Protein backbone atom coordinates (compact mmCIF):
# COMPACT_ATOMS: atom_id res chain seq x y z
CA UNK A 1 -184.71 -73.96 -107.57
CA UNK A 2 -186.99 -71.50 -108.64
CA UNK A 3 -186.09 -67.61 -108.96
CA UNK A 4 -187.88 -65.10 -106.32
CA UNK A 5 -191.10 -63.69 -107.59
CA UNK A 6 -190.80 -60.25 -108.30
CA UNK A 7 -193.26 -57.28 -109.39
CA UNK A 8 -193.44 -56.25 -112.88
CA UNK A 9 -191.09 -53.73 -113.87
CA UNK A 10 -193.79 -51.48 -115.28
CA UNK A 11 -195.67 -51.72 -112.52
CA UNK A 12 -192.75 -51.01 -110.40
CA UNK A 13 -191.91 -47.73 -112.45
CA UNK A 14 -195.78 -46.76 -112.02
CA UNK A 15 -195.62 -46.96 -108.56
CA UNK A 16 -192.32 -44.83 -108.60
CA UNK A 17 -193.95 -42.34 -110.69
CA UNK A 18 -196.99 -42.07 -108.68
CA UNK A 19 -195.27 -41.19 -105.47
CA UNK A 20 -192.03 -39.63 -106.16
CA UNK A 21 -192.42 -36.22 -107.53
CA UNK A 22 -188.46 -36.05 -108.49
CA UNK A 23 -188.15 -39.33 -110.32
CA UNK A 24 -191.63 -38.59 -111.96
CA UNK A 25 -190.40 -35.05 -113.19
CA UNK A 26 -186.55 -36.98 -114.20
CA UNK A 27 -188.90 -39.74 -116.35
CA UNK A 28 -190.62 -36.77 -117.77
CA UNK A 29 -187.32 -35.07 -118.53
CA UNK A 30 -185.84 -38.37 -119.73
CA UNK A 31 -188.67 -39.25 -122.08
CA UNK A 32 -188.44 -35.78 -124.26
CA UNK A 33 -184.58 -35.82 -124.07
CA UNK A 34 -184.91 -39.04 -125.69
CA UNK A 35 -186.96 -37.73 -128.45
CA UNK A 36 -184.90 -34.67 -129.15
CA UNK A 37 -181.72 -36.88 -129.01
CA UNK A 38 -183.45 -39.19 -131.86
CA UNK A 39 -184.23 -42.28 -130.02
CA UNK A 40 -188.06 -41.54 -130.66
CA UNK A 41 -188.78 -45.31 -129.73
CA UNK A 42 -187.24 -44.96 -126.33
CA UNK A 43 -189.06 -41.96 -125.57
CA UNK A 44 -192.51 -43.36 -126.68
CA UNK A 45 -192.23 -46.06 -124.51
CA UNK A 46 -190.87 -43.79 -121.76
CA UNK A 47 -193.72 -41.31 -122.44
CA UNK A 48 -196.54 -43.77 -122.16
CA UNK A 49 -195.51 -44.82 -119.18
CA UNK A 50 -195.27 -41.71 -117.45
CA UNK A 51 -198.88 -40.72 -118.93
CA UNK A 52 -200.09 -44.03 -117.65
CA UNK A 53 -198.81 -43.46 -114.02
CA UNK A 54 -199.81 -39.77 -114.09
CA UNK A 55 -202.99 -38.07 -116.14
CA UNK A 56 -204.28 -41.37 -118.28
CA UNK A 57 -204.83 -41.29 -121.81
CA UNK A 58 -208.53 -40.42 -121.37
CA UNK A 59 -207.89 -36.98 -119.34
CA UNK A 60 -204.79 -36.14 -121.96
CA UNK A 61 -207.10 -36.66 -124.84
CA UNK A 62 -209.66 -34.44 -123.33
CA UNK A 63 -206.68 -31.75 -122.51
CA UNK A 64 -205.32 -31.93 -125.95
CA UNK A 65 -208.62 -32.35 -128.01
CA UNK A 66 -206.37 -35.76 -128.97
CA UNK A 67 -208.58 -38.65 -129.03
CA UNK A 68 -207.40 -41.46 -126.58
CA UNK A 69 -207.17 -43.95 -128.87
CA UNK A 70 -204.81 -41.72 -131.23
CA UNK A 71 -202.76 -40.94 -128.39
CA UNK A 72 -202.44 -44.53 -127.38
CA UNK A 73 -201.45 -45.37 -130.75
CA UNK A 74 -199.23 -42.45 -131.15
CA UNK A 75 -197.21 -43.78 -128.26
CA UNK A 76 -197.55 -47.28 -129.31
CA UNK A 77 -194.60 -49.25 -130.78
CA UNK A 78 -195.75 -48.32 -134.28
CA UNK A 79 -196.65 -44.90 -133.63
CA UNK A 80 -195.01 -42.25 -135.69
CA UNK A 81 -196.44 -38.85 -133.37
CA UNK A 82 -196.64 -35.60 -135.54
CA UNK A 83 -194.98 -32.67 -134.36
CA UNK A 84 -198.05 -30.44 -133.46
CA UNK A 85 -199.59 -33.52 -131.18
CA UNK A 86 -195.79 -34.30 -129.72
CA UNK A 87 -195.54 -30.87 -128.29
CA UNK A 88 -199.59 -30.16 -127.20
CA UNK A 89 -198.86 -33.49 -125.12
CA UNK A 90 -195.59 -32.45 -123.84
CA UNK A 91 -197.10 -29.08 -122.88
CA UNK A 92 -199.68 -30.51 -121.24
CA UNK A 93 -197.39 -32.57 -119.56
CA UNK A 94 -194.67 -30.23 -118.14
CA UNK A 95 -197.90 -28.11 -117.17
CA UNK A 96 -199.47 -30.23 -115.28
CA UNK A 97 -196.27 -31.49 -113.40
CA UNK A 98 -195.54 -27.45 -112.58
CA UNK A 99 -192.48 -27.60 -114.73
CA UNK A 100 -190.73 -26.11 -117.90
CA UNK A 101 -188.45 -27.97 -120.10
CA UNK A 102 -185.76 -26.21 -121.95
CA UNK A 103 -184.11 -27.29 -125.27
CA UNK A 104 -180.09 -26.34 -124.45
CA UNK A 105 -177.36 -26.66 -127.23
C-alpha cells in the first residue's frame, strides 16, 4: 500500500507566505528570533524560504546592493552572513513587510 502523495513541504510554506500576510510576518519574526537566540542555521533556512516566496534574491540584491548570488550563498547551508549584510537584508525585509522588529530583553 503506497503513501498518499503530498505537496513539497517548502512549496507549501511558500504558498502560505504568499497568501497569508500574518503567517509571512510570523515567519520573518521567527527567522530573526532564531538567529538572535543563536540558532543561525534555522534562521537562515527560514529567511531563505521567506525571501524566495516574497521578494526573491534578484530584487533583494538590487535593494541592498549585494549581488544576488552572494545573498543566496549567505543564506545557504554553508553561508556565514556578516552582520552588515544581514542587518541590511533584515532592514529591507521588515520595511517591505510594513513591520518593525524590536529586540527585547
